[in-house]
Amino acid sequence: MTLSELQKKDIVNVFDGKRLGRIVDAMVSDDGMILHFIVEPKRLFYFFHFKEEVEITYQDIKKIGQDVVLVEFTRSK
């Protein structure tokens, strides 16, 4: 699967069922390993601030479906 295919899928947290956004970028190490994906939330304006980006690791991904990617994500990361 390519990064561009992943970028078309919604990222959903299995803990609360909320949509985190979509993958917009990936951080890659010098040896070509994916360190984490950068997920940008849907652009909603909350009290004059945009919601911030989220970083998920490859290990956070639990299932890649046809339309969504299910992740186990906690804010403490």
C-alpha atoms as a PDB file:
ATOM      1  CA  MET A   1       0.000   0.000   0.000  1.00  0.00           C
ATOM      2  CA  THR A   2       1.331   3.444  -0.861  1.00  0.00           C
ATOM      3  CA  LEU A   3       1.279   6.572   1.286  1.00  0.00           C
ATOM      4  CA  SER A   4      -1.065   8.257  -1.181  1.00  0.00           C
ATOM      5  CA  GLU A   5      -3.558   5.390  -0.734  1.00  0.00           C
ATOM      6  CA  LEU A   6      -3.365   5.775   3.059  1.00  0.00           C
ATOM      7  CA  GLN A   7      -3.908   9.536   2.757  1.00  0.00           C
ATOM      8  CA  LYS A   8      -7.379   8.938   1.263  1.00  0.00           C
ATOM      9  CA  LYS A   9      -8.584   7.025   4.338  1.00  0.00           C
ATOM     10  CA  ASP A  10     -10.087   8.465   7.528  1.00  0.00           C
ATOM     11  CA  ILE A  11      -8.158   7.702  10.719  1.00  0.00           C
ATOM     12  CA  VAL A  12     -10.480   6.515  13.514  1.00  0.00           C
ATOM     13  CA  ASN A  13      -9.508   5.923  17.141  1.00  0.00           C
ATOM     14  CA  VAL A  14     -10.804   2.561  18.421  1.00  0.00           C
ATOM     15  CA  PHE A  15     -10.862   3.820  22.033  1.00  0.00           C
ATOM     16  CA  ASP A  16     -13.596   6.411  21.486  1.00  0.00           C
ATOM     17  CA  GLY A  17     -14.687   5.973  17.860  1.00  0.00           C
ATOM     18  CA  LYS A  18     -13.709   9.551  16.989  1.00  0.00           C
ATOM     19  CA  ARG A  19     -12.278  10.538  13.653  1.00  0.00           C
ATOM     20  CA  LEU A  20      -8.749  11.890  14.103  1.00  0.00           C
ATOM     21  CA  GLY A  21      -8.395  13.167  10.537  1.00  0.00           C
ATOM     22  CA  ARG A  22      -6.318  12.046   7.583  1.00  0.00           C
ATOM     23  CA  ILE A  23      -2.661  11.247   7.107  1.00  0.00           C
ATOM     24  CA  VAL A  24      -0.899  14.221   5.518  1.00  0.00           C
ATOM     25  CA  ASP A  25       2.739  13.183   5.876  1.00  0.00           C
ATOM     26  CA  ALA A  26       5.124  10.553   7.206  1.00  0.00           C
ATOM     27  CA  MET A  27       8.409  10.902   9.082  1.00  0.00           C
ATOM     28  CA  VAL A  28      11.021   8.489   7.776  1.00  0.00           C
ATOM     29  CA  SER A  29      14.365   7.598   9.357  1.00  0.00           C
ATOM     30  CA  ASP A  30      17.669   7.809   7.496  1.00  0.00           C
ATOM     31  CA  ASP A  31      17.500   4.078   6.794  1.00  0.00           C
ATOM     32  CA  GLY A  32      13.989   4.335   5.276  1.00  0.00           C
ATOM     33  CA  MET A  33      11.889   3.089   8.207  1.00  0.00           C
ATOM     34  CA  ILE A  34       8.597   4.852   8.919  1.00  0.00           C
ATOM     35  CA  LEU A  35       8.864   6.522  12.336  1.00  0.00           C
ATOM     36  CA  HIS A  36       5.345   7.950  12.479  1.00  0.00           C
ATOM     37  CA  PHE A  37       2.507   9.345  10.408  1.00  0.00           C
ATOM     38  CA  ILE A  38       1.281  12.906  10.798  1.00  0.00           C
ATOM     39  CA  VAL A  39      -2.511  13.135  10.967  1.00  0.00           C
ATOM     40  CA  GLU A  40      -4.158  16.482  10.377  1.00  0.00           C
ATOM     41  CA  PRO A  41      -7.684  16.899  11.721  1.00  0.00           C
ATOM     42  CA  LYS A  42     -10.546  18.204   9.670  1.00  0.00           C
ATOM     43  CA  ARG A  43     -10.180  21.998   9.571  1.00  0.00           C
ATOM     44  CA  LEU A  44     -12.669  23.104  12.180  1.00  0.00           C
ATOM     45  CA  PHE A  45     -12.282  26.403  13.971  1.00  0.00           C
ATOM     46  CA  TYR A  46     -12.396  25.954  17.760  1.00  0.00           C
ATOM     47  CA  PHE A  47     -12.275  29.111  19.868  1.00  0.00           C
ATOM     48  CA  PHE A  48      -9.916  30.856  17.453  1.00  0.00           C
ATOM     49  CA  HIS A  49      -7.497  27.908  17.322  1.00  0.00           C
ATOM     50  CA  PHE A  50      -7.201  25.050  14.881  1.00  0.00           C
ATOM     51  CA  LYS A  51      -6.955  21.560  16.321  1.00  0.00           C
ATOM     52  CA  GLU A  52      -3.346  20.432  16.254  1.00  0.00           C
ATOM     53  CA  GLU A  53      -1.723  17.633  14.282  1.00  0.00           C
ATOM     54  CA  VAL A  54      -1.443  14.156  15.762  1.00  0.00           C
ATOM     55  CA  GLU A  55       1.465  11.757  15.346  1.00  0.00           C
ATOM     56  CA  ILE A  56       0.683   8.041  15.193  1.00  0.00           C
ATOM     57  CA  THR A  57       3.219   5.258  14.946  1.00  0.00           C
ATOM     58  CA  TYR A  58       2.987   2.233  12.721  1.00  0.00           C
ATOM     59  CA  GLN A  59       2.407   0.179  15.885  1.00  0.00           C
ATOM     60  CA  ASP A  60      -0.708   2.280  16.686  1.00  0.00           C
ATOM     61  CA  ILE A  61      -2.414   1.003  13.520  1.00  0.00           C
ATOM     62  CA  LYS A  62      -4.651  -1.960  14.297  1.00  0.00           C
ATOM     63  CA  LYS A  63      -6.570  -2.431  11.025  1.00  0.00           C
ATOM     64  CA  ILE A  64      -6.501  -0.903   7.576  1.00  0.00           C
ATOM     65  CA  GLY A  65      -9.904  -1.140   5.951  1.00  0.00           C
ATOM     66  CA  GLN A  66     -11.267  -0.077   2.603  1.00  0.00           C
ATOM     67  CA  ASP A  67     -12.262   3.415   3.808  1.00  0.00           C
ATOM     68  CA  VAL A  68     -10.737   3.806   7.290  1.00  0.00           C
ATOM     69  CA  VAL A  69      -7.626   3.083   9.313  1.00  0.00           C
ATOM     70  CA  LEU A  70      -8.337   2.004  12.887  1.00  0.00           C
ATOM     71  CA  VAL A  71      -5.752   3.087  15.440  1.00  0.00           C
ATOM     72  CA  GLU A  72      -5.261   2.773  19.190  1.00  0.00           C
ATOM     73  CA  PHE A  73      -4.325   6.299  20.130  1.00  0.00           C
ATOM     74  CA  THR A  74      -4.059   8.017  23.493  1.00  0.00           C
ATOM     75  CA  ARG A  75      -3.288  11.711  23.866  1.00  0.00           C
ATOM     76  CA  SER A  76      -0.426  11.040  26.288  1.00  0.00           C
ATOM     77  CA  LYS A  77       1.890  10.034  23.405  1.00  0.00           C
END
